[in-house]
């Protein structure tokens, strides 16, 4: 079962280490040498597409980030793709730290976001085709940034790695994991996984108030949706954005229509857990 679980950090902060120069720098200082406690106070453990620490910056401005720990035995060349990454449909990677064979990835914190896995298993949520089209457009926009700007694949486009934020914006999570794999996933693989997600979302319906049920996605999708799915893997981004399946949701950037689904999900799953 997926939970939004948060608990207070009872452990004392790790002793601050001296920052030193090293060839293990990646792009523009990625990752920094030393424990993230030299810059952030790691306060609360929270699950958003994976466990991490909700952390407050120890400096003017007090920015809040979500820090995820990755154990690694990789050599320094494996971090060559680590870099800051920001896009409206991506959980932004702010910076990274390397300490005692552990890599700490600091992501933007987007409030108490819920995963698409939670959304689709919430009994009160019924995703209509315009909702699904909006989710697909947001993911497609994030993938365009990864593929065209960063020249890398994600490799794990699935409901547990897609977040719905309180403002209704849909974001791809865990870009740092893809960078650690050197973005080696084929662009076509990402698109195929988005197509699989489209079919999975369209196959979920709610019948008789008994929660999510499954049906054949070919019967659940309109003919425009099926044509979009057929074109998803090979067509250009510009062609897909103009597709009539995506045009049914109106002006790009208006994500308010997903906020009711977020509220239903957060009420069903709860926010805090002791």
Protein backbone atom coordinates (compact mmCIF):
# COMPACT_ATOMS: atom_id res chain seq x y z
CA UNK A 1 0.00 0.00 0.00
CA UNK A 2 1.29 3.46 -0.86
CA UNK A 3 1.28 6.01 1.94
CA UNK A 4 2.20 9.61 2.45
CA UNK A 5 4.31 8.96 5.51
CA UNK A 6 6.08 11.66 7.45
CA UNK A 7 7.98 11.37 10.68
CA UNK A 8 10.26 13.57 12.70
CA UNK A 9 14.00 13.01 12.34
CA UNK A 10 15.18 11.86 15.79
CA UNK A 11 18.75 11.29 14.71
CA UNK A 12 21.36 14.01 15.27
CA UNK A 13 22.77 15.71 12.20
CA UNK A 14 25.96 14.25 10.84
CA UNK A 15 29.12 16.22 11.59
CA UNK A 16 29.81 18.81 8.98
CA UNK A 17 32.67 17.85 6.70
CA UNK A 18 35.18 20.13 5.09
CA UNK A 19 34.39 20.81 1.46
CA UNK A 20 37.37 20.18 -0.81
CA UNK A 21 38.07 20.31 -4.50
CA UNK A 22 38.04 17.04 -6.42
CA UNK A 23 37.75 15.72 -9.97
CA UNK A 24 34.42 14.19 -8.83
CA UNK A 25 32.55 17.31 -9.87
CA UNK A 26 30.34 16.39 -12.80
CA UNK A 27 28.82 19.49 -14.39
CA UNK A 28 29.21 22.79 -12.54
CA UNK A 29 30.16 21.22 -9.23
CA UNK A 30 27.84 18.19 -9.35
CA UNK A 31 27.99 16.54 -6.92
CA UNK A 32 29.39 18.58 -4.03
CA UNK A 33 31.70 16.69 -1.70
CA UNK A 34 30.32 16.37 1.83
CA UNK A 35 27.08 15.57 3.63
CA UNK A 36 24.00 17.70 2.77
CA UNK A 37 23.69 18.67 6.46
CA UNK A 38 26.40 21.25 5.77
CA UNK A 39 23.74 23.20 3.88
CA UNK A 40 20.36 21.75 4.88
CA UNK A 41 18.60 20.69 8.07
CA UNK A 42 17.11 17.23 7.38
CA UNK A 43 13.86 17.42 9.32
CA UNK A 44 11.09 15.09 8.14
CA UNK A 45 10.98 11.81 6.24
CA UNK A 46 8.35 11.80 3.50
CA UNK A 47 7.40 9.52 0.62
CA UNK A 48 7.02 11.23 -2.75
CA UNK A 49 7.88 8.80 -5.53
CA UNK A 50 10.36 7.31 -3.06
CA UNK A 51 11.47 8.11 0.48
CA UNK A 52 13.38 11.29 1.14
CA UNK A 53 14.02 13.96 3.75
CA UNK A 54 12.07 17.22 3.67
CA UNK A 55 14.90 19.66 4.37
CA UNK A 56 15.23 23.36 5.15
CA UNK A 57 18.20 25.35 3.91
CA UNK A 58 20.63 26.62 6.57
CA UNK A 59 21.04 29.98 4.85
CA UNK A 60 19.19 33.17 4.01
CA UNK A 61 16.00 32.37 2.12
CA UNK A 62 15.42 29.00 3.80
CA UNK A 63 14.58 27.13 0.61
CA UNK A 64 12.87 23.77 1.10
CA UNK A 65 14.06 20.71 -0.81
CA UNK A 66 13.41 16.97 -0.75
CA UNK A 67 16.68 15.03 -0.37
CA UNK A 68 16.85 11.41 -1.51
CA UNK A 69 19.73 9.13 -0.58
CA UNK A 70 21.24 6.71 -3.08
CA UNK A 71 23.86 4.17 -2.04
CA UNK A 72 26.45 3.88 -4.78
CA UNK A 73 29.74 2.16 -5.53
CA UNK A 74 30.06 3.84 -8.89
CA UNK A 75 33.28 5.56 -9.87
CA UNK A 76 33.47 9.27 -10.43
CA UNK A 77 32.86 9.08 -14.18
CA UNK A 78 29.38 7.68 -13.49
CA UNK A 79 28.29 11.12 -12.28
CA UNK A 80 29.18 12.92 -15.49
CA UNK A 81 25.53 13.57 -16.41
CA UNK A 82 24.48 14.94 -13.04
CA UNK A 83 23.33 18.52 -13.49
CA UNK A 84 20.63 20.92 -12.37
CA UNK A 85 17.40 20.34 -14.28
CA UNK A 86 14.27 22.49 -14.16
CA UNK A 87 11.04 22.30 -16.15
CA UNK A 88 7.37 22.94 -15.24
CA UNK A 89 6.57 19.23 -15.71
CA UNK A 90 9.65 17.88 -13.96
CA UNK A 91 10.49 17.65 -10.27
CA UNK A 92 13.55 19.88 -10.49
CA UNK A 93 16.97 18.58 -9.45
CA UNK A 94 18.60 21.42 -7.51
CA UNK A 95 21.95 19.92 -6.49
CA UNK A 96 23.67 16.75 -5.29
CA UNK A 97 26.10 15.73 -2.55
CA UNK A 98 28.54 12.81 -2.35
CA UNK A 99 29.59 11.45 1.05
CA UNK A 100 30.87 8.01 2.19
CA UNK A 101 29.75 6.20 -0.99
CA UNK A 102 26.30 7.77 -0.71
CA UNK A 103 24.81 10.19 -3.19
CA UNK A 104 22.21 12.68 -1.95
CA UNK A 105 19.94 14.21 -4.58
CA UNK A 106 18.21 17.48 -3.60
CA UNK A 107 14.94 18.02 -5.48
CA UNK A 108 12.49 20.90 -5.49
CA UNK A 109 9.70 20.30 -2.98
CA UNK A 110 6.29 20.71 -4.61
CA UNK A 111 4.10 20.47 -1.53
CA UNK A 112 2.25 17.33 -0.48
CA UNK A 113 2.12 15.87 -3.97
CA UNK A 114 0.52 12.47 -4.61
CA UNK A 115 1.62 9.83 -7.07
CA UNK A 116 -0.48 8.82 -10.03
CA UNK A 117 -0.59 5.35 -8.45
CA UNK A 118 -2.44 6.84 -5.51
CA UNK A 119 -4.75 8.84 -7.75
CA UNK A 120 -5.80 5.82 -9.80
CA UNK A 121 -6.51 3.69 -6.72
CA UNK A 122 -8.66 6.31 -4.97
CA UNK A 123 -12.32 5.16 -5.15
CA UNK A 124 -13.74 8.68 -5.57
CA UNK A 125 -11.52 9.53 -8.54
CA UNK A 126 -12.90 9.02 -12.02
CA UNK A 127 -10.47 10.04 -14.75
CA UNK A 128 -12.30 11.14 -17.86
CA UNK A 129 -10.60 11.23 -21.24
CA UNK A 130 -9.84 15.00 -21.04
CA UNK A 131 -8.12 14.36 -17.69
CA UNK A 132 -6.03 11.57 -19.21
CA UNK A 133 -5.19 13.76 -22.20
CA UNK A 134 -3.99 16.50 -19.84
CA UNK A 135 -1.80 14.07 -17.91
CA UNK A 136 -0.31 12.76 -21.16
CA UNK A 137 0.40 16.27 -22.44
CA UNK A 138 2.22 17.20 -19.22
CA UNK A 139 4.35 14.06 -19.30
CA UNK A 140 5.04 14.57 -23.00
CA UNK A 141 6.20 18.12 -22.26
CA UNK A 142 8.59 16.86 -19.57
CA UNK A 143 9.93 14.19 -21.92
CA UNK A 144 10.52 16.76 -24.63
CA UNK A 145 12.76 18.69 -22.22
CA UNK A 146 14.67 15.53 -21.30
CA UNK A 147 15.05 14.30 -24.86
CA UNK A 148 15.62 17.57 -26.71
CA UNK A 149 17.39 19.74 -24.13
CA UNK A 150 19.24 17.30 -21.87
CA UNK A 151 19.61 14.62 -24.57
CA UNK A 152 18.77 11.81 -22.17
CA UNK A 153 16.00 9.33 -21.49
CA UNK A 154 14.16 8.80 -18.20
CA UNK A 155 13.70 5.04 -18.24
CA UNK A 156 10.97 4.74 -15.64
CA UNK A 157 7.82 6.45 -16.89
CA UNK A 158 5.14 4.78 -14.78
CA UNK A 159 2.40 5.87 -12.40
CA UNK A 160 4.57 5.60 -9.27
CA UNK A 161 7.05 8.10 -10.80
CA UNK A 162 4.46 10.69 -11.86
CA UNK A 163 3.31 13.23 -9.28
CA UNK A 164 0.12 15.30 -9.11
CA UNK A 165 0.85 18.51 -7.20
CA UNK A 166 -1.61 20.56 -5.10
CA UNK A 167 -1.97 23.13 -7.91
CA UNK A 168 -2.96 20.39 -10.38
CA UNK A 169 0.37 20.29 -12.21
CA UNK A 170 1.67 16.87 -13.28
CA UNK A 171 5.42 16.27 -12.90
CA UNK A 172 7.90 13.51 -13.73
CA UNK A 173 9.91 12.50 -10.64
CA UNK A 174 13.37 11.04 -10.00
CA UNK A 175 15.30 12.51 -12.92
CA UNK A 176 18.49 12.03 -10.87
CA UNK A 177 18.14 8.24 -11.13
CA UNK A 178 18.14 8.54 -14.92
CA UNK A 179 21.25 10.71 -14.79
CA UNK A 180 23.05 8.07 -12.73
CA UNK A 181 22.32 5.64 -15.53
CA UNK A 182 23.81 8.19 -17.95
CA UNK A 183 20.41 8.70 -19.53
CA UNK A 184 20.98 5.53 -21.51
CA UNK A 185 17.29 4.69 -21.94
CA UNK A 186 16.09 4.95 -25.52
CA UNK A 187 13.82 7.89 -26.25
CA UNK A 188 11.47 5.42 -27.89
CA UNK A 189 11.33 3.38 -24.68
CA UNK A 190 10.12 6.45 -22.79
CA UNK A 191 7.41 7.03 -25.37
CA UNK A 192 6.38 3.39 -25.31
CA UNK A 193 6.03 3.55 -21.53
CA UNK A 194 3.92 6.70 -21.86
CA UNK A 195 1.70 4.85 -24.31
CA UNK A 196 1.42 1.96 -21.83
CA UNK A 197 0.48 4.46 -19.13
CA UNK A 198 -2.15 5.99 -21.41
CA UNK A 199 -3.72 2.56 -21.91
CA UNK A 200 -3.52 1.81 -18.17
CA UNK A 201 -5.24 5.06 -17.24
CA UNK A 202 -7.96 4.66 -19.83
CA UNK A 203 -8.67 1.09 -18.70
CA UNK A 204 -9.56 2.21 -15.15
CA UNK A 205 -13.19 3.09 -14.53
CA UNK A 206 -15.35 3.32 -11.42
CA UNK A 207 -18.49 1.22 -11.47
CA UNK A 208 -21.27 1.31 -8.93
CA UNK A 209 -19.19 3.05 -6.27
CA UNK A 210 -17.05 -0.05 -5.73
CA UNK A 211 -13.74 1.58 -6.60
CA UNK A 212 -11.50 1.23 -9.63
CA UNK A 213 -12.37 -1.47 -12.15
CA UNK A 214 -10.59 -2.58 -15.30
CA UNK A 215 -11.88 -2.58 -18.82
CA UNK A 216 -10.45 -2.97 -22.31
CA UNK A 217 -8.56 0.29 -23.13
CA UNK A 218 -9.46 -0.06 -26.80
CA UNK A 219 -13.12 0.29 -25.87
CA UNK A 220 -12.52 3.00 -23.25
CA UNK A 221 -10.54 5.35 -25.52
CA UNK A 222 -12.16 7.39 -28.26
CA UNK A 223 -10.94 6.90 -31.83
CA UNK A 224 -8.91 10.09 -31.39
CA UNK A 225 -7.28 8.61 -28.31
CA UNK A 226 -6.46 5.40 -30.14
CA UNK A 227 -4.95 7.32 -33.05
CA UNK A 228 -2.88 9.40 -30.61
CA UNK A 229 -1.61 6.19 -28.99
CA UNK A 230 -0.65 4.81 -32.40
CA UNK A 231 1.35 7.97 -33.19
CA UNK A 232 2.89 8.44 -29.75
CA UNK A 233 6.07 6.43 -30.26
CA UNK A 234 7.18 7.76 -33.66
CA UNK A 235 5.58 11.17 -34.31
CA UNK A 236 7.31 14.48 -33.60
CA UNK A 237 6.53 16.42 -30.44
CA UNK A 238 5.09 19.29 -32.48
CA UNK A 239 2.72 16.92 -34.28
CA UNK A 240 1.54 15.34 -31.03
CA UNK A 241 0.87 18.71 -29.36
CA UNK A 242 -1.46 19.59 -32.25
CA UNK A 243 -3.30 16.27 -32.07
CA UNK A 244 -7.04 16.55 -31.52
CA UNK A 245 -6.79 14.17 -28.54
CA UNK A 246 -4.77 16.77 -26.64
CA UNK A 247 -6.75 19.75 -27.93
CA UNK A 248 -9.84 18.61 -26.01
CA UNK A 249 -8.36 19.92 -22.73
CA UNK A 250 -8.13 23.53 -23.87
CA UNK A 251 -5.35 26.04 -23.31
CA UNK A 252 -1.95 24.62 -22.33
CA UNK A 253 -0.94 25.33 -18.76
CA UNK A 254 -4.46 25.30 -17.28
CA UNK A 255 -4.16 22.36 -14.86
CA UNK A 256 -6.87 23.39 -12.39
CA UNK A 257 -9.19 20.65 -13.67
CA UNK A 258 -7.02 18.02 -11.92
CA UNK A 259 -7.19 19.74 -8.51
CA UNK A 260 -10.45 17.96 -7.48
CA UNK A 261 -8.71 14.62 -8.16
CA UNK A 262 -5.79 15.74 -6.00
CA UNK A 263 -8.13 16.70 -3.14
CA UNK A 264 -10.04 13.41 -3.33
CA UNK A 265 -6.73 11.51 -3.29
CA UNK A 266 -5.20 13.41 -0.38
CA UNK A 267 -8.40 12.96 1.66
CA UNK A 268 -8.51 9.22 0.96
CA UNK A 269 -4.85 8.44 1.63
CA UNK A 270 -4.29 10.99 4.37
CA UNK A 271 -1.30 13.28 4.69
CA UNK A 272 0.57 12.64 7.89
CA UNK A 273 1.30 9.33 9.53
CA UNK A 274 2.93 8.91 12.93
